[in-house]
C-alpha atoms as a PDB file:
ATOM      1  CA  MET A   1     125.810 -36.447 -98.814  1.00  0.00           C
ATOM      2  CA  ILE A   2     122.223 -37.643 -98.807  1.00  0.00           C
ATOM      3  CA  SER A   3     119.489 -35.016 -98.901  1.00  0.00           C
ATOM      4  CA  LYS A   4     116.699 -34.687 -96.327  1.00  0.00           C
ATOM      5  CA  GLU A   5     114.191 -35.610 -99.042  1.00  0.00           C
ATOM      6  CA  ALA A   6     116.088 -38.809 -99.875  1.00  0.00           C
ATOM      7  CA  THR A   7     116.386 -39.706 -96.197  1.00  0.00           C
ATOM      8  CA  GLN A   8     112.626 -39.262 -95.798  1.00  0.00           C
ATOM      9  CA  LEU A   9     111.973 -41.417 -98.858  1.00  0.00           C
ATOM     10  CA  LEU A  10     114.115 -44.221 -97.422  1.00  0.00           C
ATOM     11  CA  ARG A  11     112.472 -43.856 -94.006  1.00  0.00           C
ATOM     12  CA  GLN A  12     108.984 -44.159 -95.557  1.00  0.00           C
ATOM     13  CA  ARG A  13     109.717 -47.727 -96.635  1.00  0.00           C
ATOM     14  CA  PHE A  14     110.622 -48.737 -93.074  1.00  0.00           C
ATOM     15  CA  GLU A  15     107.598 -46.955 -91.621  1.00  0.00           C
ATOM     16  CA  HIS A  16     105.347 -48.633 -94.190  1.00  0.00           C
ATOM     17  CA  PHE A  17     106.772 -52.059 -93.343  1.00  0.00           C
ATOM     18  CA  THR A  18     106.320 -51.420 -89.620  1.00  0.00           C
ATOM     19  CA  GLN A  19     102.673 -50.486 -90.118  1.00  0.00           C
ATOM     20  CA  LEU A  20     101.989 -53.553 -92.273  1.00  0.00           C
ATOM     21  CA  ARG A  21     103.915 -55.850 -89.913  1.00  0.00           C
ATOM     22  CA  ASP A  22     102.012 -54.570 -86.870  1.00  0.00           C
ATOM     23  CA  LYS A  23      98.686 -55.099 -88.630  1.00  0.00           C
ATOM     24  CA  TYR A  24      99.302 -58.335 -90.590  1.00  0.00           C
ATOM     25  CA  GLY A  25     102.507 -59.943 -89.289  1.00  0.00           C
ATOM     26  CA  THR A  26     105.909 -60.127 -90.959  1.00  0.00           C
ATOM     27  CA  PRO A  27     105.274 -62.742 -93.688  1.00  0.00           C
ATOM     28  CA  LEU A  28     102.156 -61.024 -95.042  1.00  0.00           C
ATOM     29  CA  ALA A  29     103.734 -57.574 -94.712  1.00  0.00           C
ATOM     30  CA  LEU A  30     106.712 -58.700 -96.815  1.00  0.00           C
ATOM     31  CA  GLU A  31     104.411 -60.249 -99.410  1.00  0.00           C
ATOM     32  CA  MET A  32     102.321 -57.080 -99.620  1.00  0.00           C
ATOM     33  CA  MET A  33     105.416 -54.900-100.025  1.00  0.00           C
ATOM     34  CA  MET A  34     106.760 -57.188-102.753  1.00  0.00           C
ATOM     35  CA  ASP A  35     103.457 -57.020-104.632  1.00  0.00           C
ATOM     36  CA  GLU A  36     103.638 -53.204-104.489  1.00  0.00           C
ATOM     37  CA  GLN A  37     107.165 -53.251-105.884  1.00  0.00           C
ATOM     38  CA  VAL A  38     106.424 -55.213-109.074  1.00  0.00           C
ATOM     39  CA  GLU A  39     104.627 -52.381-110.859  1.00  0.00           C
ATOM     40  CA  ARG A  40     106.994 -49.813-109.374  1.00  0.00           C
ATOM     41  CA  GLN A  41     110.016 -51.676-110.760  1.00  0.00           C
ATOM     42  CA  LYS A  42     108.395 -51.839-114.208  1.00  0.00           C
ATOM     43  CA  GLN A  43     107.853 -48.086-114.175  1.00  0.00           C
ATOM     44  CA  LEU A  44     111.290 -47.230-112.787  1.00  0.00           C
ATOM     45  CA  MET A  45     113.443 -49.638-114.776  1.00  0.00           C
ATOM     46  CA  SER A  46     111.741 -49.873-118.174  1.00  0.00           C
ATOM     47  CA  PRO A  47     113.013 -46.496-119.402  1.00  0.00           C
ATOM     48  CA  TYR A  48     116.572 -47.521-118.516  1.00  0.00           C
ATOM     49  CA  ILE A  49     116.738 -51.097-119.806  1.00  0.00           C
ATOM     50  CA  SER A  50     114.364 -51.206-122.793  1.00  0.00           C
ATOM     51  CA  GLY A  51     116.233 -51.618-126.057  1.00  0.00           C
ATOM     52  CA  VAL A  52     119.701 -51.178-124.543  1.00  0.00           C
ATOM     53  CA  SER A  53     122.158 -53.421-122.760  1.00  0.00           C
ATOM     54  CA  LEU A  54     121.654 -53.926-119.056  1.00  0.00           C
ATOM     55  CA  ALA A  55     125.112 -52.441-118.417  1.00  0.00           C
ATOM     56  CA  SER A  56     124.178 -49.299-120.323  1.00  0.00           C
ATOM     57  CA  GLY A  57     120.817 -48.986-118.583  1.00  0.00           C
ATOM     58  CA  PHE A  58     122.189 -49.614-115.115  1.00  0.00           C
ATOM     59  CA  SER A  59     125.030 -47.155-115.734  1.00  0.00           C
ATOM     60  CA  ARG A  60     122.516 -44.471-116.699  1.00  0.00           C
ATOM     61  CA  SER A  61     120.618 -45.088-113.441  1.00  0.00           C
ATOM     62  CA  ILE A  62     123.645 -44.410-111.198  1.00  0.00           C
ATOM     63  CA  PRO A  63     122.659 -40.759-110.488  1.00  0.00           C
ATOM     64  CA  ILE A  64     119.363 -41.959-108.980  1.00  0.00           C
ATOM     65  CA  PHE A  65     121.196 -44.274-106.594  1.00  0.00           C
ATOM     66  CA  GLU A  66     123.667 -41.532-105.725  1.00  0.00           C
ATOM     67  CA  GLN A  67     120.779 -39.260-104.701  1.00  0.00           C
ATOM     68  CA  LEU A  68     119.785 -41.963-102.201  1.00  0.00           C
ATOM     69  CA  GLY A  69     123.274 -42.011-100.697  1.00  0.00           C
ATOM     70  CA  MET A  70     124.537 -45.097-102.501  1.00  0.00           C
ATOM     71  CA  LYS A  71     127.821 -45.514-104.329  1.00  0.00           C
ATOM     72  CA  MET A  72     127.078 -47.729-107.314  1.00  0.00           C
ATOM     73  CA  GLU A  73     129.052 -49.268-110.129  1.00  0.00           C
ATOM     74  CA  ALA A  74     127.718 -51.257-113.102  1.00  0.00           C
ATOM     75  CA  VAL A  75     130.005 -53.781-114.802  1.00  0.00           C
ATOM     76  CA  ASP A  76     129.144 -55.415-118.120  1.00  0.00           C
ATOM     77  CA  ILE A  77     129.589 -59.180-117.831  1.00  0.00           C
ATOM     78  CA  SER A  78     127.703 -60.120-121.012  1.00  0.00           C
ATOM     79  CA  ASN A  79     128.798 -63.554-122.156  1.00  0.00           C
ATOM     80  CA  GLN A  80     127.540 -66.756-123.780  1.00  0.00           C
ATOM     81  CA  GLY A  81     124.518 -65.171-125.435  1.00  0.00           C
ATOM     82  CA  LYS A  82     123.494 -63.287-122.298  1.00  0.00           C
ATOM     83  CA  ASP A  83     123.156 -59.558-121.770  1.00  0.00           C
ATOM     84  CA  ALA A  84     124.391 -59.329-118.189  1.00  0.00           C
ATOM     85  CA  VAL A  85     125.478 -56.802-115.594  1.00  0.00           C
ATOM     86  CA  ILE A  86     126.927 -56.844-112.118  1.00  0.00           C
ATOM     87  CA  GLU A  87     125.663 -54.012-109.917  1.00  0.00           C
ATOM     88  CA  ILE A  88     128.012 -53.176-107.066  1.00  0.00           C
ATOM     89  CA  GLN A  89     126.795 -51.078-104.153  1.00  0.00           C
ATOM     90  CA  ARG A  90     129.583 -49.879-101.850  1.00  0.00           C
ATOM     91  CA  VAL A  91     127.313 -47.955 -99.460  1.00  0.00           C
ATOM     92  CA  CYS A  92     123.977 -49.034 -97.987  1.00  0.00           C
ATOM     93  CA  PRO A  93     121.961 -46.100 -96.650  1.00  0.00           C
ATOM     94  CA  TYR A  94     119.426 -48.536 -95.188  1.00  0.00           C
ATOM     95  CA  MET A  95     121.737 -49.982 -92.502  1.00  0.00           C
ATOM     96  CA  ALA A  96     121.152 -47.237 -89.923  1.00  0.00           C
ATOM     97  CA  LEU A  97     117.404 -47.330 -90.544  1.00  0.00           C
ATOM     98  CA  ALA A  98     117.290 -51.081 -89.988  1.00  0.00           C
ATOM     99  CA  SER A  99     118.890 -50.578 -86.610  1.00  0.00           C
ATOM    100  CA  GLU A 100     116.509 -47.756 -85.748  1.00  0.00           C
ATOM    101  CA  PHE A 101     113.501 -49.931 -86.656  1.00  0.00           C
ATOM    102  CA  GLN A 102     114.885 -52.936 -84.740  1.00  0.00           C
ATOM    103  CA  LEU A 103     115.517 -55.091 -87.823  1.00  0.00           C
ATOM    104  CA  PRO A 104     118.601 -57.329 -87.944  1.00  0.00           C
ATOM    105  CA  THR A 105     119.291 -56.206 -91.528  1.00  0.00           C
ATOM    106  CA  PRO A 106     117.513 -53.956 -94.020  1.00  0.00           C
ATOM    107  CA  CYS A 107     117.710 -56.588 -96.746  1.00  0.00           C
ATOM    108  CA  GLN A 108     114.349 -58.271 -96.300  1.00  0.00           C
ATOM    109  CA  ILE A 109     112.400 -55.043 -96.872  1.00  0.00           C
ATOM    110  CA  THR A 110     114.718 -53.470 -99.438  1.00  0.00           C
ATOM    111  CA  CYS A 111     116.921 -55.389-101.840  1.00  0.00           C
ATOM    112  CA  ASP A 112     115.433 -58.862-101.326  1.00  0.00           C
ATOM    113  CA  ILE A 113     112.006 -57.509-102.236  1.00  0.00           C
ATOM    114  CA  GLU A 114     113.311 -55.425-105.138  1.00  0.00           C
ATOM    115  CA  VAL A 115     115.157 -58.326-106.775  1.00  0.00           C
ATOM    116  CA  LYS A 116     112.086 -60.574-106.449  1.00  0.00           C
ATOM    117  CA  ALA A 117     109.918 -57.793-107.877  1.00  0.00           C
ATOM    118  CA  ILE A 118     112.311 -57.284-110.803  1.00  0.00           C
ATOM    119  CA  ASN A 119     112.150 -61.001-111.573  1.00  0.00           C
ATOM    120  CA  GLN A 120     108.349 -60.765-111.689  1.00  0.00           C
ATOM    121  CA  ALA A 121     108.196 -57.428-113.503  1.00  0.00           C
ATOM    122  CA  PHE A 122     110.643 -58.607-116.171  1.00  0.00           C
ATOM    123  CA  PRO A 123     110.179 -62.368-116.612  1.00  0.00           C
ATOM    124  CA  GLU A 124     112.830 -62.378-119.348  1.00  0.00           C
ATOM    125  CA  MET A 125     115.421 -61.162-116.827  1.00  0.00           C
ATOM    126  CA  LYS A 126     116.924 -63.064-113.928  1.00  0.00           C
ATOM    127  CA  GLY A 127     118.280 -61.200-110.913  1.00  0.00           C
ATOM    128  CA  ARG A 128     120.216 -62.513-107.924  1.00  0.00           C
ATOM    129  CA  ILE A 129     121.936 -61.097-104.879  1.00  0.00           C
ATOM    130  CA  LEU A 130     125.498 -62.382-104.647  1.00  0.00           C
ATOM    131  CA  SER A 131     126.706 -60.583-101.509  1.00  0.00           C
ATOM    132  CA  LYS A 132     125.405 -58.219 -98.843  1.00  0.00           C
ATOM    133  CA  LEU A 133     127.071 -55.525 -96.758  1.00  0.00           C
ATOM    134  CA  ALA A 134     124.579 -56.284 -93.994  1.00  0.00           C
ATOM    135  CA  LEU A 135     125.946 -59.824 -93.727  1.00  0.00           C
ATOM    136  CA  GLY A 136     129.550 -58.699 -93.427  1.00  0.00           C
ATOM    137  CA  ASP A 137     130.548 -58.635 -97.091  1.00  0.00           C
ATOM    138  CA  CYS A 138     132.600 -55.650 -98.286  1.00  0.00           C
ATOM    139  CA  VAL A 139     129.944 -54.683-100.878  1.00  0.00           C
ATOM    140  CA  CYS A 140     126.463 -55.618-102.013  1.00  0.00           C
ATOM    141  CA  VAL A 141     126.610 -57.351-105.383  1.00  0.00           C
ATOM    142  CA  PHE A 142     123.659 -58.027-107.661  1.00  0.00           C
ATOM    143  CA  LYS A 143     123.712 -59.913-110.964  1.00  0.00           C
ATOM    144  CA  TYR A 144     121.093 -59.454-113.658  1.00  0.00           C
ATOM    145  CA  GLU A 145     120.949 -61.253-116.977  1.00  0.00           C
ATOM    146  CA  ARG A 146     118.670 -61.877-119.932  1.00  0.00           C
ATOM    147  CA  ASP A 147     119.040 -63.312-123.417  1.00  0.00           C
ATOM    148  CA  LEU A 148     120.824 -61.011-125.848  1.00  0.00           C
ATOM    149  CA  SER A 149     117.818 -61.347-128.160  1.00  0.00           C
ATOM    150  CA  VAL A 150     115.890 -59.043-125.793  1.00  0.00           C
ATOM    151  CA  VAL A 151     118.260 -56.183-126.673  1.00  0.00           C
ATOM    152  CA  SER A 152     117.738 -54.622-130.110  1.00  0.00           C
ATOM    153  CA  PRO A 153     120.592 -55.491-132.513  1.00  0.00           C
ATOM    154  CA  LYS A 154     121.846 -51.919-132.918  1.00  0.00           C
ATOM    155  CA  SER A 155     122.211 -51.271-129.161  1.00  0.00           C
ATOM    156  CA  LYS A 156     123.987 -54.368-127.840  1.00  0.00           C
ATOM    157  CA  GLN A 157     127.069 -52.434-126.832  1.00  0.00           C
ATOM    158  CA  PRO A 158     127.098 -50.992-123.295  1.00  0.00           C
END
């Protein structure tokens, strides 16, 4: 079960978007939120993915996602000289909030922004969203990859 603190943290993002949207309009609000996320993603993800495989780093981050009410899995798909991971999210705690804030989906102010921010924060890594619960898929699926040369030789194993 998600804690009150985690619920409030999730709600803050929607409130922040609403304030920016009301003041600047949707396109500029989304751009401003994405700009804020770049540095945040560097700070949050660097300790997990520096010097280790993406699968190892993402696996170690699962408890953080669980605190936010998500059910996450990380699958190593490293292949053809790429360090790669599939992140599977079976639960999206943002869905109810999107409805409450009259948004068709939560994606534009959550995952879409985060993946774009990750791509900017870590230019050596490429992230993509492959499926979305909010669009009727059974899970959200994200793929991240980078050259194996980014991972130190002694820690290539997940």
